[in-house]
Amino acid sequence: MALDSTQVAALAGILSIAAYLPYGYDVLRGTVIPQRTSWLIWGLLSLIAFFSVLTSGGSDGLFFTGAQMMGTNTIFLLSLWRGTGSLAERADFTVISLSALGLGLWWWTDNPAWAMGLSITIGTLGGLLTVAKAYRRPRSEALRPWALQWLAAALGVGSVIGTTALEVAYPLYLFLLYSGILGATLIGRALSRRSVTPSA
């Protein structure tokens, strides 16, 4: 029996929450080290995405964006205690500055479509910091939660296919972002294993 779009959207939200729970636990244990700037940006922009969909009359898209809003902001708060990165680092400072500029443009335009477009652009900038960290320090990220997030995002896209471009944009962006983080972590781990393998 095929699931309808509302059920798929609900499943996407549940999977997303299921991914954040072990990720948060690993942060508390110190086995995962979140990049503070990435999570700050993702937390703020998940709020924009949620309210952009809400004000545009979206419905199914709210399940997934709502779960992301709760999860990203929770992980950001945990990252203040157990994370890495600060404004003293040039890359973090640059991303935060560009993000502030983007948020100012969003406030000036006061348009849901512009808000979503800017949030995706800024979120990608923030995501690059985590992609780089996952590649350089692959053991600082956990694969299973990101794999669940990847699946949740794929379902999130499927749940809003045929609706508005505004509803599709955010889960599609997250699907691509999570693909990048997963890929960087897997490549980083493969390279680190190769570097410690004794030559014949």
C-alpha atoms as a PDB file:
ATOM      1  CA  MET A   1       0.000   0.000   0.000  1.00  0.00           C
ATOM      2  CA  ALA A   2       1.519   3.289  -1.122  1.00  0.00           C
ATOM      3  CA  LEU A   3       1.900   6.122   1.336  1.00  0.00           C
ATOM      4  CA  ASP A   4       0.319   9.468   0.536  1.00  0.00           C
ATOM      5  CA  SER A   5       2.309  12.711   0.645  1.00  0.00           C
ATOM      6  CA  THR A   6       1.253  13.538   4.206  1.00  0.00           C
ATOM      7  CA  GLN A   7       2.385  10.140   5.478  1.00  0.00           C
ATOM      8  CA  VAL A   8       5.705  10.416   3.615  1.00  0.00           C
ATOM      9  CA  ALA A   9       6.218  13.891   5.078  1.00  0.00           C
ATOM     10  CA  ALA A  10       5.483  12.599   8.580  1.00  0.00           C
ATOM     11  CA  LEU A  11       7.944   9.723   8.058  1.00  0.00           C
ATOM     12  CA  ALA A  12      10.588  12.203   6.888  1.00  0.00           C
ATOM     13  CA  GLY A  13      10.086  14.244  10.052  1.00  0.00           C
ATOM     14  CA  ILE A  14      10.264  11.141  12.273  1.00  0.00           C
ATOM     15  CA  LEU A  15      13.468   9.932  10.596  1.00  0.00           C
ATOM     16  CA  SER A  16      15.006  13.379  10.977  1.00  0.00           C
ATOM     17  CA  ILE A  17      14.246  13.421  14.699  1.00  0.00           C
ATOM     18  CA  ALA A  18      15.549   9.839  14.967  1.00  0.00           C
ATOM     19  CA  ALA A  19      18.822  11.044  13.448  1.00  0.00           C
ATOM     20  CA  TYR A  20      19.194  14.003  15.791  1.00  0.00           C
ATOM     21  CA  LEU A  21      18.730  11.929  18.961  1.00  0.00           C
ATOM     22  CA  PRO A  22      21.841   9.708  18.581  1.00  0.00           C
ATOM     23  CA  TYR A  23      23.799  12.634  17.136  1.00  0.00           C
ATOM     24  CA  GLY A  24      23.015  14.723  20.212  1.00  0.00           C
ATOM     25  CA  TYR A  25      23.924  11.803  22.463  1.00  0.00           C
ATOM     26  CA  ASP A  26      27.264  11.411  20.683  1.00  0.00           C
ATOM     27  CA  VAL A  27      27.920  15.138  21.108  1.00  0.00           C
ATOM     28  CA  LEU A  28      27.303  14.807  24.846  1.00  0.00           C
ATOM     29  CA  ARG A  29      29.688  11.824  24.976  1.00  0.00           C
ATOM     30  CA  GLY A  30      32.323  13.776  23.068  1.00  0.00           C
ATOM     31  CA  THR A  31      32.581  11.259  20.203  1.00  0.00           C
ATOM     32  CA  VAL A  32      31.055  13.748  17.741  1.00  0.00           C
ATOM     33  CA  ILE A  33      32.314  17.332  17.566  1.00  0.00           C
ATOM     34  CA  PRO A  34      29.855  19.641  15.757  1.00  0.00           C
ATOM     35  CA  GLN A  35      31.070  22.708  13.884  1.00  0.00           C
ATOM     36  CA  ARG A  36      29.503  25.617  15.792  1.00  0.00           C
ATOM     37  CA  THR A  37      29.214  28.047  12.896  1.00  0.00           C
ATOM     38  CA  SER A  38      27.529  25.452  10.676  1.00  0.00           C
ATOM     39  CA  TRP A  39      24.950  24.611  13.306  1.00  0.00           C
ATOM     40  CA  LEU A  40      24.329  28.245  14.204  1.00  0.00           C
ATOM     41  CA  ILE A  41      23.571  29.018  10.562  1.00  0.00           C
ATOM     42  CA  TRP A  42      21.505  25.860  10.066  1.00  0.00           C
ATOM     43  CA  GLY A  43      19.515  26.630  13.197  1.00  0.00           C
ATOM     44  CA  LEU A  44      18.707  30.188  12.158  1.00  0.00           C
ATOM     45  CA  LEU A  45      17.924  29.244   8.585  1.00  0.00           C
ATOM     46  CA  SER A  46      15.730  26.320   9.564  1.00  0.00           C
ATOM     47  CA  LEU A  47      13.566  28.907  11.345  1.00  0.00           C
ATOM     48  CA  ILE A  48      13.418  30.972   8.144  1.00  0.00           C
ATOM     49  CA  ALA A  49      12.596  27.901   6.049  1.00  0.00           C
ATOM     50  CA  PHE A  50       9.841  26.799   8.416  1.00  0.00           C
ATOM     51  CA  PHE A  51       8.144  30.177   8.536  1.00  0.00           C
ATOM     52  CA  SER A  52       8.636  30.734   4.792  1.00  0.00           C
ATOM     53  CA  VAL A  53       6.710  27.520   4.087  1.00  0.00           C
ATOM     54  CA  LEU A  54       4.154  28.395   6.760  1.00  0.00           C
ATOM     55  CA  THR A  55       3.457  31.890   5.431  1.00  0.00           C
ATOM     56  CA  SER A  56       3.297  30.639   1.847  1.00  0.00           C
ATOM     57  CA  GLY A  57       0.472  28.262   2.755  1.00  0.00           C
ATOM     58  CA  GLY A  58       2.530  25.059   2.727  1.00  0.00           C
ATOM     59  CA  SER A  59       1.335  22.038   4.643  1.00  0.00           C
ATOM     60  CA  ASP A  60       3.206  18.765   4.075  1.00  0.00           C
ATOM     61  CA  GLY A  61       6.544  20.576   3.973  1.00  0.00           C
ATOM     62  CA  LEU A  62       6.032  21.696   7.561  1.00  0.00           C
ATOM     63  CA  PHE A  63       6.594  18.182   8.954  1.00  0.00           C
ATOM     64  CA  PHE A  64      10.171  17.963   7.730  1.00  0.00           C
ATOM     65  CA  THR A  65      11.121  21.620   8.141  1.00  0.00           C
ATOM     66  CA  GLY A  66       9.668  21.603  11.661  1.00  0.00           C
ATOM     67  CA  ALA A  67      11.762  18.584  12.641  1.00  0.00           C
ATOM     68  CA  GLN A  68      14.841  20.260  11.184  1.00  0.00           C
ATOM     69  CA  MET A  69      14.082  23.461  13.077  1.00  0.00           C
ATOM     70  CA  MET A  70      13.947  21.646  16.410  1.00  0.00           C
ATOM     71  CA  GLY A  71      16.942  19.415  15.728  1.00  0.00           C
ATOM     72  CA  THR A  72      19.381  21.964  14.343  1.00  0.00           C
ATOM     73  CA  ASN A  73      18.800  24.449  17.136  1.00  0.00           C
ATOM     74  CA  THR A  74      19.206  21.739  19.785  1.00  0.00           C
ATOM     75  CA  ILE A  75      22.526  20.613  18.303  1.00  0.00           C
ATOM     76  CA  PHE A  76      23.723  24.216  18.102  1.00  0.00           C
ATOM     77  CA  LEU A  77      23.071  24.667  21.824  1.00  0.00           C
ATOM     78  CA  LEU A  78      25.011  21.468  22.531  1.00  0.00           C
ATOM     79  CA  SER A  79      27.839  22.651  20.267  1.00  0.00           C
ATOM     80  CA  LEU A  80      28.400  25.660  22.512  1.00  0.00           C
ATOM     81  CA  TRP A  81      29.618  23.181  25.101  1.00  0.00           C
ATOM     82  CA  ARG A  82      31.119  20.389  22.980  1.00  0.00           C
ATOM     83  CA  GLY A  83      31.745  21.902  19.564  1.00  0.00           C
ATOM     84  CA  THR A  84      34.566  23.357  17.513  1.00  0.00           C
ATOM     85  CA  GLY A  85      35.041  26.591  15.577  1.00  0.00           C
ATOM     86  CA  SER A  86      34.813  30.250  16.586  1.00  0.00           C
ATOM     87  CA  LEU A  87      34.651  33.749  15.131  1.00  0.00           C
ATOM     88  CA  ALA A  88      38.397  33.994  15.709  1.00  0.00           C
ATOM     89  CA  GLU A  89      38.869  31.646  12.755  1.00  0.00           C
ATOM     90  CA  ARG A  90      38.862  33.396   9.384  1.00  0.00           C
ATOM     91  CA  ALA A  91      36.584  30.915   7.584  1.00  0.00           C
ATOM     92  CA  ASP A  92      33.994  31.029  10.376  1.00  0.00           C
ATOM     93  CA  PHE A  93      34.098  34.813  10.548  1.00  0.00           C
ATOM     94  CA  THR A  94      33.663  35.112   6.770  1.00  0.00           C
ATOM     95  CA  VAL A  95      30.685  32.744   6.712  1.00  0.00           C
ATOM     96  CA  ILE A  96      29.000  34.481   9.642  1.00  0.00           C
ATOM     97  CA  SER A  97      29.515  37.890   8.015  1.00  0.00           C
ATOM     98  CA  LEU A  98      28.036  36.734   4.701  1.00  0.00           C
ATOM     99  CA  SER A  99      25.160  35.120   6.588  1.00  0.00           C
ATOM    100  CA  ALA A 100      24.407  38.358   8.411  1.00  0.00           C
ATOM    101  CA  LEU A 101      24.398  40.165   5.072  1.00  0.00           C
ATOM    102  CA  GLY A 102      22.004  37.582   3.627  1.00  0.00           C
ATOM    103  CA  LEU A 103      19.665  37.850   6.595  1.00  0.00           C
ATOM    104  CA  GLY A 104      19.668  41.620   6.184  1.00  0.00           C
ATOM    105  CA  LEU A 105      18.721  41.240   2.512  1.00  0.00           C
ATOM    106  CA  TRP A 106      15.930  38.843   3.497  1.00  0.00           C
ATOM    107  CA  TRP A 107      14.550  41.350   6.012  1.00  0.00           C
ATOM    108  CA  TRP A 108      14.737  44.087   3.384  1.00  0.00           C
ATOM    109  CA  THR A 109      12.908  42.083   0.693  1.00  0.00           C
ATOM    110  CA  ASP A 110      10.318  40.575   3.076  1.00  0.00           C
ATOM    111  CA  ASN A 111       9.538  37.886   0.488  1.00  0.00           C
ATOM    112  CA  PRO A 112       9.201  34.129   1.290  1.00  0.00           C
ATOM    113  CA  ALA A 113      10.837  33.054  -1.994  1.00  0.00           C
ATOM    114  CA  TRP A 114      13.799  35.378  -1.448  1.00  0.00           C
ATOM    115  CA  ALA A 115      14.017  34.178   2.140  1.00  0.00           C
ATOM    116  CA  MET A 116      14.229  30.554   1.038  1.00  0.00           C
ATOM    117  CA  GLY A 117      16.744  31.289  -1.703  1.00  0.00           C
ATOM    118  CA  LEU A 118      18.988  33.274   0.608  1.00  0.00           C
ATOM    119  CA  SER A 119      18.676  30.695   3.385  1.00  0.00           C
ATOM    120  CA  ILE A 120      19.802  27.941   1.022  1.00  0.00           C
ATOM    121  CA  THR A 121      22.752  30.003  -0.201  1.00  0.00           C
ATOM    122  CA  ILE A 122      23.826  30.874   3.334  1.00  0.00           C
ATOM    123  CA  GLY A 123      23.188  27.346   4.575  1.00  0.00           C
ATOM    124  CA  THR A 124      25.474  26.019   1.850  1.00  0.00           C
ATOM    125  CA  LEU A 125      28.245  28.350   3.024  1.00  0.00           C
ATOM    126  CA  GLY A 126      27.810  27.094   6.570  1.00  0.00           C
ATOM    127  CA  GLY A 127      27.661  23.520   5.345  1.00  0.00           C
ATOM    128  CA  LEU A 128      31.018  23.823   3.601  1.00  0.00           C
ATOM    129  CA  LEU A 129      32.647  24.246   7.023  1.00  0.00           C
ATOM    130  CA  THR A 130      31.240  20.909   8.172  1.00  0.00           C
ATOM    131  CA  VAL A 131      32.083  19.213   4.859  1.00  0.00           C
ATOM    132  CA  ALA A 132      35.693  20.385   5.230  1.00  0.00           C
ATOM    133  CA  LYS A 133      35.827  19.236   8.866  1.00  0.00           C
ATOM    134  CA  ALA A 134      34.289  15.859   7.985  1.00  0.00           C
ATOM    135  CA  TYR A 135      36.987  15.363   5.351  1.00  0.00           C
ATOM    136  CA  ARG A 136      39.909  16.475   7.524  1.00  0.00           C
ATOM    137  CA  ARG A 137      38.645  14.891  10.760  1.00  0.00           C
ATOM    138  CA  PRO A 138      36.254  12.137   9.627  1.00  0.00           C
ATOM    139  CA  ARG A 139      36.038  10.562  13.087  1.00  0.00           C
ATOM    140  CA  SER A 140      34.550  13.802  14.433  1.00  0.00           C
ATOM    141  CA  GLU A 141      31.300  12.938  12.608  1.00  0.00           C
ATOM    142  CA  ALA A 142      29.005   9.920  12.957  1.00  0.00           C
ATOM    143  CA  LEU A 143      27.895   8.202   9.765  1.00  0.00           C
ATOM    144  CA  ARG A 144      24.584   6.687  10.888  1.00  0.00           C
ATOM    145  CA  PRO A 145      22.817   9.946  11.870  1.00  0.00           C
ATOM    146  CA  TRP A 146      23.873  11.600   8.604  1.00  0.00           C
ATOM    147  CA  ALA A 147      22.670   8.569   6.641  1.00  0.00           C
ATOM    148  CA  LEU A 148      19.296   8.856   8.393  1.00  0.00           C
ATOM    149  CA  GLN A 149      19.191  12.577   7.637  1.00  0.00           C
ATOM    150  CA  TRP A 150      19.992  11.839   3.985  1.00  0.00           C
ATOM    151  CA  LEU A 151      17.085   9.383   3.826  1.00  0.00           C
ATOM    152  CA  ALA A 152      14.801  11.811   5.666  1.00  0.00           C
ATOM    153  CA  ALA A 153      15.666  14.568   3.198  1.00  0.00           C
ATOM    154  CA  ALA A 154      15.002  12.241   0.251  1.00  0.00           C
ATOM    155  CA  LEU A 155      11.572  11.457   1.705  1.00  0.00           C
ATOM    156  CA  GLY A 156      11.086  15.160   2.387  1.00  0.00           C
ATOM    157  CA  VAL A 157      11.633  15.874  -1.300  1.00  0.00           C
ATOM    158  CA  GLY A 158       9.271  13.061  -2.279  1.00  0.00           C
ATOM    159  CA  SER A 159       6.542  14.339   0.017  1.00  0.00           C
ATOM    160  CA  VAL A 160       6.373  17.746  -1.678  1.00  0.00           C
ATOM    161  CA  ILE A 161       6.910  16.799  -5.321  1.00  0.00           C
ATOM    162  CA  GLY A 162       4.117  18.403  -7.305  1.00  0.00           C
ATOM    163  CA  THR A 163       3.583  21.225  -4.803  1.00  0.00           C
ATOM    164  CA  THR A 164       5.333  24.597  -4.954  1.00  0.00           C
ATOM    165  CA  ALA A 165       8.994  25.178  -5.732  1.00  0.00           C
ATOM    166  CA  LEU A 166       9.258  26.896  -2.345  1.00  0.00           C
ATOM    167  CA  GLU A 167       8.324  23.697  -0.514  1.00  0.00           C
ATOM    168  CA  VAL A 168      10.639  21.519  -2.622  1.00  0.00           C
ATOM    169  CA  ALA A 169      13.687  23.797  -2.363  1.00  0.00           C
ATOM    170  CA  TYR A 170      14.582  23.260   1.300  1.00  0.00           C
ATOM    171  CA  PRO A 171      14.480  19.423   1.470  1.00  0.00           C
ATOM    172  CA  LEU A 172      16.258  19.221  -1.897  1.00  0.00           C
ATOM    173  CA  TYR A 173      19.029  21.500  -0.627  1.00  0.00           C
ATOM    174  CA  LEU A 174      19.366  19.370   2.525  1.00  0.00           C
ATOM    175  CA  PHE A 175      19.487  16.172   0.465  1.00  0.00           C
ATOM    176  CA  LEU A 176      22.436  17.567  -1.502  1.00  0.00           C
ATOM    177  CA  LEU A 177      24.097  18.949   1.632  1.00  0.00           C
ATOM    178  CA  TYR A 178      23.820  15.639   3.496  1.00  0.00           C
ATOM    179  CA  SER A 179      25.176  13.839   0.431  1.00  0.00           C
ATOM    180  CA  GLY A 180      28.230  16.109   0.621  1.00  0.00           C
ATOM    181  CA  ILE A 181      28.758  15.537   4.355  1.00  0.00           C
ATOM    182  CA  LEU A 182      28.347  11.770   4.022  1.00  0.00           C
ATOM    183  CA  GLY A 183      30.678  11.662   1.036  1.00  0.00           C
ATOM    184  CA  ALA A 184      33.339  13.789   2.758  1.00  0.00           C
ATOM    185  CA  THR A 185      33.202  11.601   5.883  1.00  0.00           C
ATOM    186  CA  LEU A 186      33.462   8.359   3.900  1.00  0.00           C
ATOM    187  CA  ILE A 187      36.327   9.650   1.743  1.00  0.00           C
ATOM    188  CA  GLY A 188      38.140  11.036   4.787  1.00  0.00           C
ATOM    189  CA  ARG A 189      37.845   7.726   6.628  1.00  0.00           C
ATOM    190  CA  ALA A 190      39.004   5.743   3.608  1.00  0.00           C
ATOM    191  CA  LEU A 191      42.057   7.975   3.203  1.00  0.00           C
ATOM    192  CA  SER A 192      42.884   7.837   6.917  1.00  0.00           C
ATOM    193  CA  ARG A 193      42.728   4.020   6.876  1.00  0.00           C
ATOM    194  CA  ARG A 194      44.990   3.939   3.841  1.00  0.00           C
ATOM    195  CA  SER A 195      47.522   6.225   5.518  1.00  0.00           C
ATOM    196  CA  VAL A 196      47.848   3.939   8.573  1.00  0.00           C
ATOM    197  CA  THR A 197      47.947   0.694   6.598  1.00  0.00           C
ATOM    198  CA  PRO A 198      51.545  -0.565   6.535  1.00  0.00           C
ATOM    199  CA  SER A 199      52.967  -0.937   3.062  1.00  0.00           C
ATOM    200  CA  ALA A 200      53.913  -4.413   1.855  1.00  0.00           C
END
